[in-house]
Amino acid sequence: MTVADCRQIDFPEIRDPRGSLTFIEALRHVPFEIKRVYFIHGVPGHAIRAGHAHKALQQILLAIAGSFQVLLDDGTHKKLVVLDRCDYGLYIGPGVWRELKQFSPGAI
């Protein structure tokens, strides 16, 4: 997998006067079965999270609130992605190094 294979995935959003609803379904909006969901919060703005790659894991990162940057690195190419909305996510496949940084206050 390379940085070029990492991509934005848009999630459905239903809007009405009461607000918006965004949802994600495994194997429909995400190209894999979802086995675990976790979130990172309370991160100081200067902290760096992740700092690793996975051998087999596929992952979607999204900003539920606030924003943060994701630096992707496949050993040849690097790409910086800003996540700042909850209606899209960043797909990262196996073998791509990721660093999460520049967290805004209240980012989740």
PDB file of N, CA and C in Angstrom:
ATOM      1  N   MET A   1       0.852  -1.179   0.000  1.00  0.00           N
ATOM      2  CA  MET A   1       0.000   0.000   0.000  1.00  0.00           C
ATOM      3  C   MET A   1       0.891   1.233   0.000  1.00  0.00           C
ATOM      4  N   THR A   2       0.468   2.276  -0.689  1.00  0.00           N
ATOM      5  CA  THR A   2       1.230   3.516  -0.761  1.00  0.00           C
ATOM      6  C   THR A   2       0.379   4.685  -0.277  1.00  0.00           C
ATOM      7  N   VAL A   3       1.030   5.820  -0.123  1.00  0.00           N
ATOM      8  CA  VAL A   3       0.314   7.044   0.243  1.00  0.00           C
ATOM      9  C   VAL A   3      -0.766   7.351  -0.793  1.00  0.00           C
ATOM     10  N   ALA A   4      -0.482   7.070  -2.061  1.00  0.00           N
ATOM     11  CA  ALA A   4      -1.465   7.333  -3.123  1.00  0.00           C
ATOM     12  C   ALA A   4      -2.738   6.507  -2.963  1.00  0.00           C
ATOM     13  N   ASP A   5      -2.639   5.364  -2.284  1.00  0.00           N
ATOM     14  CA  ASP A   5      -3.816   4.516  -2.060  1.00  0.00           C
ATOM     15  C   ASP A   5      -4.694   5.021  -0.919  1.00  0.00           C
ATOM     16  N   CYS A   6      -4.144   5.876  -0.077  1.00  0.00           N
ATOM     17  CA  CYS A   6      -4.933   6.467   1.020  1.00  0.00           C
ATOM     18  C   CYS A   6      -5.852   7.511   0.400  1.00  0.00           C
ATOM     19  N   ARG A   7      -7.077   7.532   0.839  1.00  0.00           N
ATOM     20  CA  ARG A   7      -8.039   8.415   0.168  1.00  0.00           C
ATOM     21  C   ARG A   7      -9.137   8.875   1.117  1.00  0.00           C
ATOM     22  N   GLN A   8      -9.770   9.956   0.707  1.00  0.00           N
ATOM     23  CA  GLN A   8     -10.910  10.476   1.458  1.00  0.00           C
ATOM     24  C   GLN A   8     -12.134   9.646   1.114  1.00  0.00           C
ATOM     25  N   ILE A   9     -12.898   9.317   2.138  1.00  0.00           N
ATOM     26  CA  ILE A   9     -14.180   8.639   1.954  1.00  0.00           C
ATOM     27  C   ILE A   9     -15.262   9.544   2.530  1.00  0.00           C
ATOM     28  N   ASP A  10     -16.204   9.930   1.684  1.00  0.00           N
ATOM     29  CA  ASP A  10     -17.320  10.773   2.124  1.00  0.00           C
ATOM     30  C   ASP A  10     -18.410   9.894   2.708  1.00  0.00           C
ATOM     31  N   PHE A  11     -18.971  10.331   3.821  1.00  0.00           N
ATOM     32  CA  PHE A  11     -20.034   9.605   4.483  1.00  0.00           C
ATOM     33  C   PHE A  11     -21.367  10.310   4.236  1.00  0.00           C
ATOM     34  N   PRO A  12     -22.461   9.548   4.190  1.00  0.00           N
ATOM     35  CA  PRO A  12     -23.773  10.164   3.979  1.00  0.00           C
ATOM     36  C   PRO A  12     -24.104  11.138   5.110  1.00  0.00           C
ATOM     37  N   GLU A  13     -24.734  12.220   4.733  1.00  0.00           N
ATOM     38  CA  GLU A  13     -25.161  13.204   5.731  1.00  0.00           C
ATOM     39  C   GLU A  13     -26.600  13.590   5.438  1.00  0.00           C
ATOM     40  N   ILE A  14     -27.422  13.497   6.462  1.00  0.00           N
ATOM     41  CA  ILE A  14     -28.823  13.893   6.348  1.00  0.00           C
ATOM     42  C   ILE A  14     -28.980  15.180   7.155  1.00  0.00           C
ATOM     43  N   ARG A  15     -29.442  16.229   6.478  1.00  0.00           N
ATOM     44  CA  ARG A  15     -29.604  17.537   7.137  1.00  0.00           C
ATOM     45  C   ARG A  15     -31.071  17.921   7.175  1.00  0.00           C
ATOM     46  N   ASP A  16     -31.460  18.510   8.271  1.00  0.00           N
ATOM     47  CA  ASP A  16     -32.782  19.114   8.373  1.00  0.00           C
ATOM     48  C   ASP A  16     -32.685  20.223   9.413  1.00  0.00           C
ATOM     49  N   PRO A  17     -33.771  20.937   9.687  1.00  0.00           N
ATOM     50  CA  PRO A  17     -33.699  22.066  10.622  1.00  0.00           C
ATOM     51  C   PRO A  17     -33.223  21.692  12.032  1.00  0.00           C
ATOM     52  N   ARG A  18     -33.291  20.410  12.387  1.00  0.00           N
ATOM     53  CA  ARG A  18     -32.865  19.979  13.720  1.00  0.00           C
ATOM     54  C   ARG A  18     -31.371  19.711  13.805  1.00  0.00           C
ATOM     55  N   GLY A  19     -30.692  19.718  12.664  1.00  0.00           N
ATOM     56  CA  GLY A  19     -29.259  19.441  12.657  1.00  0.00           C
ATOM     57  C   GLY A  19     -28.910  18.409  11.602  1.00  0.00           C
ATOM     58  N   SER A  20     -27.746  17.820  11.729  1.00  0.00           N
ATOM     59  CA  SER A  20     -27.262  16.855  10.743  1.00  0.00           C
ATOM     60  C   SER A  20     -27.000  15.498  11.394  1.00  0.00           C
ATOM     61  N   LEU A  21     -27.164  14.458  10.598  1.00  0.00           N
ATOM     62  CA  LEU A  21     -26.884  13.099  11.022  1.00  0.00           C
ATOM     63  C   LEU A  21     -25.949  12.481   9.983  1.00  0.00           C
ATOM     64  N   THR A  22     -24.802  11.998  10.427  1.00  0.00           N
ATOM     65  CA  THR A  22     -23.857  11.309   9.559  1.00  0.00           C
ATOM     66  C   THR A  22     -23.744   9.878  10.050  1.00  0.00           C
ATOM     67  N   PHE A  23     -23.696   8.926   9.129  1.00  0.00           N
ATOM     68  CA  PHE A  23     -23.603   7.529   9.542  1.00  0.00           C
ATOM     69  C   PHE A  23     -22.600   6.792   8.663  1.00  0.00           C
ATOM     70  N   ILE A  24     -22.093   5.680   9.211  1.00  0.00           N
ATOM     71  CA  ILE A  24     -21.082   4.875   8.530  1.00  0.00           C
ATOM     72  C   ILE A  24     -21.479   3.415   8.673  1.00  0.00           C
ATOM     73  N   GLU A  25     -21.537   2.699   7.558  1.00  0.00           N
ATOM     74  CA  GLU A  25     -21.854   1.277   7.574  1.00  0.00           C
ATOM     75  C   GLU A  25     -20.683   0.488   7.003  1.00  0.00           C
ATOM     76  N   ALA A  26     -20.293  -0.569   7.735  1.00  0.00           N
ATOM     77  CA  ALA A  26     -19.212  -1.442   7.274  1.00  0.00           C
ATOM     78  C   ALA A  26     -19.579  -2.080   5.947  1.00  0.00           C
ATOM     79  N   LEU A  27     -18.600  -2.228   5.085  1.00  0.00           N
ATOM     80  CA  LEU A  27     -18.721  -2.846   3.775  1.00  0.00           C
ATOM     81  C   LEU A  27     -19.639  -2.088   2.821  1.00  0.00           C
ATOM     82  N   ARG A  28     -20.175  -0.971   3.267  1.00  0.00           N
ATOM     83  CA  ARG A  28     -20.954  -0.113   2.381  1.00  0.00           C
ATOM     84  C   ARG A  28     -20.227   1.214   2.194  1.00  0.00           C
ATOM     85  N   HIS A  29     -19.953   1.902   3.281  1.00  0.00           N
ATOM     86  CA  HIS A  29     -19.235   3.172   3.223  1.00  0.00           C
ATOM     87  C   HIS A  29     -17.752   2.984   3.505  1.00  0.00           C
ATOM     88  N   VAL A  30     -17.418   1.926   4.184  1.00  0.00           N
ATOM     89  CA  VAL A  30     -16.053   1.589   4.556  1.00  0.00           C
ATOM     90  C   VAL A  30     -15.717   0.257   3.877  1.00  0.00           C
ATOM     91  N   PRO A  31     -14.547   0.135   3.231  1.00  0.00           N
ATOM     92  CA  PRO A  31     -14.249  -1.070   2.450  1.00  0.00           C
ATOM     93  C   PRO A  31     -13.764  -2.278   3.260  1.00  0.00           C
ATOM     94  N   PHE A  32     -14.206  -2.385   4.506  1.00  0.00           N
ATOM     95  CA  PHE A  32     -13.812  -3.514   5.347  1.00  0.00           C
ATOM     96  C   PHE A  32     -14.815  -3.663   6.476  1.00  0.00           C
ATOM     97  N   GLU A  33     -14.755  -4.817   7.161  1.00  0.00           N
ATOM     98  CA  GLU A  33     -15.597  -5.011   8.341  1.00  0.00           C
ATOM     99  C   GLU A  33     -15.033  -4.202   9.494  1.00  0.00           C
ATOM    100  N   ILE A  34     -15.897  -3.551  10.228  1.00  0.00           N
ATOM    101  CA  ILE A  34     -15.471  -2.766  11.391  1.00  0.00           C
ATOM    102  C   ILE A  34     -15.411  -3.713  12.587  1.00  0.00           C
ATOM    103  N   LYS A  35     -14.232  -3.835  13.191  1.00  0.00           N
ATOM    104  CA  LYS A  35     -14.060  -4.721  14.344  1.00  0.00           C
ATOM    105  C   LYS A  35     -13.895  -3.948  15.638  1.00  0.00           C
ATOM    106  N   ARG A  36     -13.475  -2.690  15.533  1.00  0.00           N
ATOM    107  CA  ARG A  36     -13.266  -1.895  16.748  1.00  0.00           C
ATOM    108  C   ARG A  36     -13.388  -0.428  16.387  1.00  0.00           C
ATOM    109  N   VAL A  37     -13.952   0.343  17.320  1.00  0.00           N
ATOM    110  CA  VAL A  37     -14.043   1.795  17.199  1.00  0.00           C
ATOM    111  C   VAL A  37     -13.427   2.394  18.451  1.00  0.00           C
ATOM    112  N   TYR A  38     -12.546   3.347  18.275  1.00  0.00           N
ATOM    113  CA  TYR A  38     -11.987   4.054  19.431  1.00  0.00           C
ATOM    114  C   TYR A  38     -11.809   5.511  19.056  1.00  0.00           C
ATOM    115  N   PHE A  39     -11.694   6.365  20.070  1.00  0.00           N
ATOM    116  CA  PHE A  39     -11.459   7.774  19.790  1.00  0.00           C
ATOM    117  C   PHE A  39     -10.421   8.322  20.745  1.00  0.00           C
ATOM    118  N   ILE A  40      -9.699   9.308  20.249  1.00  0.00           N
ATOM    119  CA  ILE A  40      -8.643   9.984  21.001  1.00  0.00           C
ATOM    120  C   ILE A  40      -9.166  11.372  21.345  1.00  0.00           C
ATOM    121  N   HIS A  41      -9.025  11.772  22.599  1.00  0.00           N
ATOM    122  CA  HIS A  41      -9.515  13.095  22.996  1.00  0.00           C
ATOM    123  C   HIS A  41      -8.625  13.641  24.099  1.00  0.00           C
ATOM    124  N   GLY A  42      -8.741  14.925  24.363  1.00  0.00           N
ATOM    125  CA  GLY A  42      -7.939  15.562  25.397  1.00  0.00           C
ATOM    126  C   GLY A  42      -6.464  15.647  25.032  1.00  0.00           C
ATOM    127  N   VAL A  43      -6.164  15.652  23.744  1.00  0.00           N
ATOM    128  CA  VAL A  43      -4.777  15.675  23.286  1.00  0.00           C
ATOM    129  C   VAL A  43      -4.261  17.113  23.272  1.00  0.00           C
ATOM    130  N   PRO A  44      -3.142  17.380  23.922  1.00  0.00           N
ATOM    131  CA  PRO A  44      -2.552  18.720  23.833  1.00  0.00           C
ATOM    132  C   PRO A  44      -2.207  19.046  22.378  1.00  0.00           C
ATOM    133  N   GLY A  45      -2.361  20.286  21.989  1.00  0.00           N
ATOM    134  CA  GLY A  45      -2.153  20.701  20.603  1.00  0.00           C
ATOM    135  C   GLY A  45      -0.782  20.361  20.051  1.00  0.00           C
ATOM    136  N   HIS A  46       0.231  20.312  20.892  1.00  0.00           N
ATOM    137  CA  HIS A  46       1.600  20.053  20.431  1.00  0.00           C
ATOM    138  C   HIS A  46       1.954  18.565  20.401  1.00  0.00           C
ATOM    139  N   ALA A  47       1.081  17.707  20.901  1.00  0.00           N
ATOM    140  CA  ALA A  47       1.376  16.270  20.997  1.00  0.00           C
ATOM    141  C   ALA A  47       1.304  15.599  19.624  1.00  0.00           C
ATOM    142  N   ILE A  48       2.041  14.519  19.478  1.00  0.00           N
ATOM    143  CA  ILE A  48       1.994  13.683  18.282  1.00  0.00           C
ATOM    144  C   ILE A  48       1.514  12.300  18.710  1.00  0.00           C
ATOM    145  N   ARG A  49       0.478  11.819  18.043  1.00  0.00           N
ATOM    146  CA  ARG A  49      -0.084  10.500  18.333  1.00  0.00           C
ATOM    147  C   ARG A  49       0.198   9.572  17.157  1.00  0.00           C
ATOM    148  N   ALA A  50      -0.051   8.305  17.355  1.00  0.00           N
ATOM    149  CA  ALA A  50       0.165   7.238  16.374  1.00  0.00           C
ATOM    150  C   ALA A  50       1.675   7.032  16.226  1.00  0.00           C
ATOM    151  N   GLY A  51       2.282   7.461  15.120  1.00  0.00           N
ATOM    152  CA  GLY A  51       3.705   7.259  14.930  1.00  0.00           C
ATOM    153  C   GLY A  51       4.047   5.806  14.651  1.00  0.00           C
ATOM    154  N   HIS A  52       3.220   5.154  13.821  1.00  0.00           N
ATOM    155  CA  HIS A  52       3.445   3.760  13.473  1.00  0.00           C
ATOM    156  C   HIS A  52       2.666   3.403  12.210  1.00  0.00           C
ATOM    157  N   ALA A  53       2.916   2.221  11.704  1.00  0.00           N
ATOM    158  CA  ALA A  53       2.142   1.635  10.617  1.00  0.00           C
ATOM    159  C   ALA A  53       1.594   0.306  11.126  1.00  0.00           C
ATOM    160  N   HIS A  54       0.688  -0.274  10.373  1.00  0.00           N
ATOM    161  CA  HIS A  54       0.136  -1.591  10.718  1.00  0.00           C
ATOM    162  C   HIS A  54       0.452  -2.570   9.608  1.00  0.00           C
ATOM    163  N   LYS A  55       0.698  -3.818   9.972  1.00  0.00           N
ATOM    164  CA  LYS A  55       1.012  -4.846   8.975  1.00  0.00           C
ATOM    165  C   LYS A  55      -0.206  -5.246   8.154  1.00  0.00           C
ATOM    166  N   ALA A  56      -1.355  -5.358   8.788  1.00  0.00           N
ATOM    167  CA  ALA A  56      -2.544  -5.842   8.087  1.00  0.00           C
ATOM    168  C   ALA A  56      -3.772  -4.955   8.277  1.00  0.00           C
ATOM    169  N   LEU A  57      -3.788  -4.128   9.295  1.00  0.00           N
ATOM    170  CA  LEU A  57      -4.957  -3.332   9.657  1.00  0.00           C
ATOM    171  C   LEU A  57      -5.300  -2.277   8.610  1.00  0.00           C
ATOM    172  N   GLN A  58      -6.583  -2.169   8.311  1.00  0.00           N
ATOM    173  CA  GLN A  58      -7.121  -1.057   7.526  1.00  0.00           C
ATOM    174  C   GLN A  58      -7.832  -0.147   8.505  1.00  0.00           C
ATOM    175  N   GLN A  59      -7.790   1.153   8.251  1.00  0.00           N
ATOM    176  CA  GLN A  59      -8.296   2.093   9.234  1.00  0.00           C
ATOM    177  C   GLN A  59      -8.933   3.295   8.549  1.00  0.00           C
ATOM    178  N   ILE A  60      -9.939   3.838   9.212  1.00  0.00           N
ATOM    179  CA  ILE A  60     -10.532   5.109   8.808  1.00  0.00           C
ATOM    180  C   ILE A  60     -10.317   6.077   9.961  1.00  0.00           C
ATOM    181  N   LEU A  61      -9.729   7.230   9.673  1.00  0.00           N
ATOM    182  CA  LEU A  61      -9.593   8.290  10.673  1.00  0.00           C
ATOM    183  C   LEU A  61     -10.582   9.386  10.323  1.00  0.00           C
ATOM    184  N   LEU A  62     -11.236   9.939  11.345  1.00  0.00           N
ATOM    185  CA  LEU A  62     -12.113  11.079  11.112  1.00  0.00           C
ATOM    186  C   LEU A  62     -12.109  11.982  12.328  1.00  0.00           C
ATOM    187  N   ALA A  63     -12.364  13.234  12.086  1.00  0.00           N
ATOM    188  CA  ALA A  63     -12.450  14.220  13.157  1.00  0.00           C
ATOM    189  C   ALA A  63     -13.909  14.352  13.560  1.00  0.00           C
ATOM    190  N   ILE A  64     -14.254  13.818  14.710  1.00  0.00           N
ATOM    191  CA  ILE A  64     -15.620  13.937  15.215  1.00  0.00           C
ATOM    192  C   ILE A  64     -15.893  15.383  15.621  1.00  0.00           C
ATOM    193  N   ALA A  65     -14.883  16.021  16.214  1.00  0.00           N
ATOM    194  CA  ALA A  65     -14.963  17.431  16.604  1.00  0.00           C
ATOM    195  C   ALA A  65     -13.576  18.040  16.414  1.00  0.00           C
ATOM    196  N   GLY A  66     -13.526  19.322  16.129  1.00  0.00           N
ATOM    197  CA  GLY A  66     -12.249  19.991  15.965  1.00  0.00           C
ATOM    198  C   GLY A  66     -11.512  19.517  14.729  1.00  0.00           C
ATOM    199  N   SER A  67     -10.184  19.587  14.801  1.00  0.00           N
ATOM    200  CA  SER A  67      -9.377  19.207  13.649  1.00  0.00           C
ATOM    201  C   SER A  67      -8.017  18.687  14.090  1.00  0.00           C
ATOM    202  N   PHE A  68      -7.354  17.986  13.176  1.00  0.00           N
ATOM    203  CA  PHE A  68      -5.977  17.556  13.369  1.00  0.00           C
ATOM    204  C   PHE A  68      -5.388  17.221  12.010  1.00  0.00           C
ATOM    205  N   GLN A  69      -4.074  17.117  11.970  1.00  0.00           N
ATOM    206  CA  GLN A  69      -3.364  16.783  10.743  1.00  0.00           C
ATOM    207  C   GLN A  69      -2.889  15.332  10.805  1.00  0.00           C
ATOM    208  N   VAL A  70      -2.834  14.703   9.636  1.00  0.00           N
ATOM    209  CA  VAL A  70      -2.320  13.340   9.526  1.00  0.00           C
ATOM    210  C   VAL A  70      -1.187  13.371   8.503  1.00  0.00           C
ATOM    211  N   LEU A  71       0.001  12.997   8.939  1.00  0.00           N
ATOM    212  CA  LEU A  71       1.132  12.869   8.028  1.00  0.00           C
ATOM    213  C   LEU A  71       1.253  11.405   7.643  1.00  0.00           C
ATOM    214  N   LEU A  72       1.111  11.121   6.349  1.00  0.00           N
ATOM    215  CA  LEU A  72       1.207   9.768   5.812  1.00  0.00           C
ATOM    216  C   LEU A  72       2.579   9.597   5.169  1.00  0.00           C
ATOM    217  N   ASP A  73       3.166   8.409   5.313  1.00  0.00           N
ATOM    218  CA  ASP A  73       4.500   8.154   4.775  1.00  0.00           C
ATOM    219  C   ASP A  73       4.592   6.682   4.400  1.00  0.00           C
ATOM    220  N   ASP A  74       4.894   6.393   3.131  1.00  0.00           N
ATOM    221  CA  ASP A  74       5.047   5.001   2.693  1.00  0.00           C
ATOM    222  C   ASP A  74       6.509   4.615   2.490  1.00  0.00           C
ATOM    223  N   GLY A  75       7.429   5.475   2.934  1.00  0.00           N
ATOM    224  CA  GLY A  75       8.851   5.224   2.756  1.00  0.00           C
ATOM    225  C   GLY A  75       9.418   5.870   1.518  1.00  0.00           C
ATOM    226  N   THR A  76       8.546   6.236   0.584  1.00  0.00           N
ATOM    227  CA  THR A  76       8.963   6.920  -0.636  1.00  0.00           C
ATOM    228  C   THR A  76       8.301   8.286  -0.751  1.00  0.00           C
ATOM    229  N   HIS A  77       7.020   8.322  -0.448  1.00  0.00           N
ATOM    230  CA  HIS A  77       6.245   9.556  -0.558  1.00  0.00           C
ATOM    231  C   HIS A  77       5.611   9.912   0.775  1.00  0.00           C
ATOM    232  N   LYS A  78       5.411  11.215   0.977  1.00  0.00           N
ATOM    233  CA  LYS A  78       4.718  11.722   2.155  1.00  0.00           C
ATOM    234  C   LYS A  78       3.554  12.590   1.701  1.00  0.00           C
ATOM    235  N   LYS A  79       2.531  12.627   2.541  1.00  0.00           N
ATOM    236  CA  LYS A  79       1.358  13.451   2.242  1.00  0.00           C
ATOM    237  C   LYS A  79       0.777  13.933   3.559  1.00  0.00           C
ATOM    238  N   LEU A  80       0.417  15.209   3.625  1.00  0.00           N
ATOM    239  CA  LEU A  80      -0.215  15.786   4.811  1.00  0.00           C
ATOM    240  C   LEU A  80      -1.697  15.999   4.519  1.00  0.00           C
ATOM    241  N   VAL A  81      -2.544  15.474   5.390  1.00  0.00           N
ATOM    242  CA  VAL A  81      -3.998  15.580   5.241  1.00  0.00           C
ATOM    243  C   VAL A  81      -4.559  16.249   6.486  1.00  0.00           C
ATOM    244  N   VAL A  82      -5.464  17.191   6.298  1.00  0.00           N
ATOM    245  CA  VAL A  82      -6.143  17.841   7.417  1.00  0.00           C
ATOM    246  C   VAL A  82      -7.538  17.240   7.529  1.00  0.00           C
ATOM    247  N   LEU A  83      -7.867  16.757   8.714  1.00  0.00           N
ATOM    248  CA  LEU A  83      -9.215  16.263   8.991  1.00  0.00           C
ATOM    249  C   LEU A  83      -9.904  17.288   9.876  1.00  0.00           C
ATOM    250  N   ASP A  84     -11.030  17.825   9.403  1.00  0.00           N
ATOM    251  CA  ASP A  84     -11.690  18.904  10.138  1.00  0.00           C
ATOM    252  C   ASP A  84     -13.213  18.884  10.048  1.00  0.00           C
ATOM    253  N   ARG A  85     -13.758  17.792   9.557  1.00  0.00           N
ATOM    254  CA  ARG A  85     -15.214  17.630   9.490  1.00  0.00           C
ATOM    255  C   ARG A  85     -15.556  16.178   9.767  1.00  0.00           C
ATOM    256  N   CYS A  86     -16.746  15.929  10.264  1.00  0.00           N
ATOM    257  CA  CYS A  86     -17.128  14.555  10.604  1.00  0.00           C
ATOM    258  C   CYS A  86     -17.883  13.846   9.484  1.00  0.00           C
ATOM    259  N   ASP A  87     -18.054  14.483   8.329  1.00  0.00           N
ATOM    260  CA  ASP A  87     -18.780  13.833   7.239  1.00  0.00           C
ATOM    261  C   ASP A  87     -17.852  13.187   6.206  1.00  0.00           C
ATOM    262  N   TYR A  88     -16.572  13.095   6.525  1.00  0.00           N
ATOM    263  CA  TYR A  88     -15.650  12.336   5.681  1.00  0.00           C
ATOM    264  C   TYR A  88     -14.533  11.782   6.554  1.00  0.00           C
ATOM    265  N   GLY A  89     -13.886  10.756   6.050  1.00  0.00           N
ATOM    266  CA  GLY A  89     -12.785  10.145   6.776  1.00  0.00           C
ATOM    267  C   GLY A  89     -11.626   9.876   5.845  1.00  0.00           C
ATOM    268  N   LEU A  90     -10.510   9.493   6.420  1.00  0.00           N
ATOM    269  CA  LEU A  90      -9.310   9.173   5.663  1.00  0.00           C
ATOM    270  C   LEU A  90      -9.057   7.681   5.768  1.00  0.00           C
ATOM    271  N   TYR A  91      -9.102   6.993   4.632  1.00  0.00           N
ATOM    272  CA  TYR A  91      -8.805   5.568   4.587  1.00  0.00           C
ATOM    273  C   TYR A  91      -7.292   5.384   4.543  1.00  0.00           C
ATOM    274  N   ILE A  92      -6.753   4.541   5.449  1.00  0.00           N
ATOM    275  CA  ILE A  92      -5.334   4.203   5.472  1.00  0.00           C
ATOM    276  C   ILE A  92      -5.225   2.688   5.494  1.00  0.00           C
ATOM    277  N   GLY A  93      -4.520   2.150   4.536  1.00  0.00           N
ATOM    278  CA  GLY A  93      -4.335   0.706   4.456  1.00  0.00           C
ATOM    279  C   GLY A  93      -3.052   0.257   5.130  1.00  0.00           C
ATOM    280  N   PRO A  94      -2.778  -1.034   5.076  1.00  0.00           N
ATOM    281  CA  PRO A  94      -1.596  -1.597   5.717  1.00  0.00           C
ATOM    282  C   PRO A  94      -0.299  -1.015   5.161  1.00  0.00           C
ATOM    283  N   GLY A  95       0.701  -0.909   6.030  1.00  0.00           N
ATOM    284  CA  GLY A  95       2.037  -0.518   5.616  1.00  0.00           C
ATOM    285  C   GLY A  95       2.298   0.968   5.489  1.00  0.00           C
ATOM    286  N   VAL A  96       1.297   1.798   5.719  1.00  0.00           N
ATOM    287  CA  VAL A  96       1.487   3.245   5.615  1.00  0.00           C
ATOM    288  C   VAL A  96       1.642   3.822   7.020  1.00  0.00           C
ATOM    289  N   TRP A  97       2.756   4.492   7.233  1.00  0.00           N
ATOM    290  CA  TRP A  97       3.060   5.149   8.505  1.00  0.00           C
ATOM    291  C   TRP A  97       2.156   6.359   8.651  1.00  0.00           C
ATOM    292  N   ARG A  98       1.677   6.582   9.868  1.00  0.00           N
ATOM    293  CA  ARG A  98       0.828   7.748  10.123  1.00  0.00           C
ATOM    294  C   ARG A  98       1.246   8.422  11.417  1.00  0.00           C
ATOM    295  N   GLU A  99       1.217   9.752  11.393  1.00  0.00           N
ATOM    296  CA  GLU A  99       1.411  10.568  12.590  1.00  0.00           C
ATOM    297  C   GLU A  99       0.256  11.550  12.661  1.00  0.00           C
ATOM    298  N   LEU A 100      -0.369  11.631  13.821  1.00  0.00           N
ATOM    299  CA  LEU A 100      -1.450  12.579  14.046  1.00  0.00           C
ATOM    300  C   LEU A 100      -0.883  13.730  14.859  1.00  0.00           C
ATOM    301  N   LYS A 101      -1.137  14.970  14.417  1.00  0.00           N
ATOM    302  CA  LYS A 101      -0.542  16.126  15.087  1.00  0.00           C
ATOM    303  C   LYS A 101      -1.400  17.371  14.882  1.00  0.00           C
ATOM    304  N   GLN A 102      -0.988  18.456  15.515  1.00  0.00           N
ATOM    305  CA  GLN A 102      -1.666  19.761  15.400  1.00  0.00           C
ATOM    306  C   GLN A 102      -3.154  19.656  15.772  1.00  0.00           C
ATOM    307  N   PHE A 103      -3.430  19.078  16.917  1.00  0.00           N
ATOM    308  CA  PHE A 103      -4.809  18.937  17.377  1.00  0.00           C
ATOM    309  C   PHE A 103      -5.356  20.283  17.828  1.00  0.00           C
ATOM    310  N   SER A 104      -6.552  20.616  17.354  1.00  0.00           N
ATOM    311  CA  SER A 104      -7.205  21.841  17.816  1.00  0.00           C
ATOM    312  C   SER A 104      -7.780  21.589  19.223  1.00  0.00           C
ATOM    313  N   PRO A 105      -8.054  22.651  19.974  1.00  0.00           N
ATOM    314  CA  PRO A 105      -8.679  22.451  21.291  1.00  0.00           C
ATOM    315  C   PRO A 105     -10.016  21.711  21.121  1.00  0.00           C
ATOM    316  N   GLY A 106     -10.248  20.710  21.921  1.00  0.00           N
ATOM    317  CA  GLY A 106     -11.493  19.951  21.874  1.00  0.00           C
ATOM    318  C   GLY A 106     -11.570  18.937  20.760  1.00  0.00           C
ATOM    319  N   ALA A 107     -10.468  18.701  20.071  1.00  0.00           N
ATOM    320  CA  ALA A 107     -10.505  17.730  18.969  1.00  0.00           C
ATOM    321  C   ALA A 107     -10.777  16.324  19.490  1.00  0.00           C
ATOM    322  N   ILE A 108     -11.594  15.612  18.736  1.00  0.00           N
ATOM    323  CA  ILE A 108     -11.888  14.206  19.027  1.00  0.00           C
ATOM    324  C   ILE A 108     -11.721  13.440  17.716  1.00  0.00           C
TER     325      ILE A 108
END
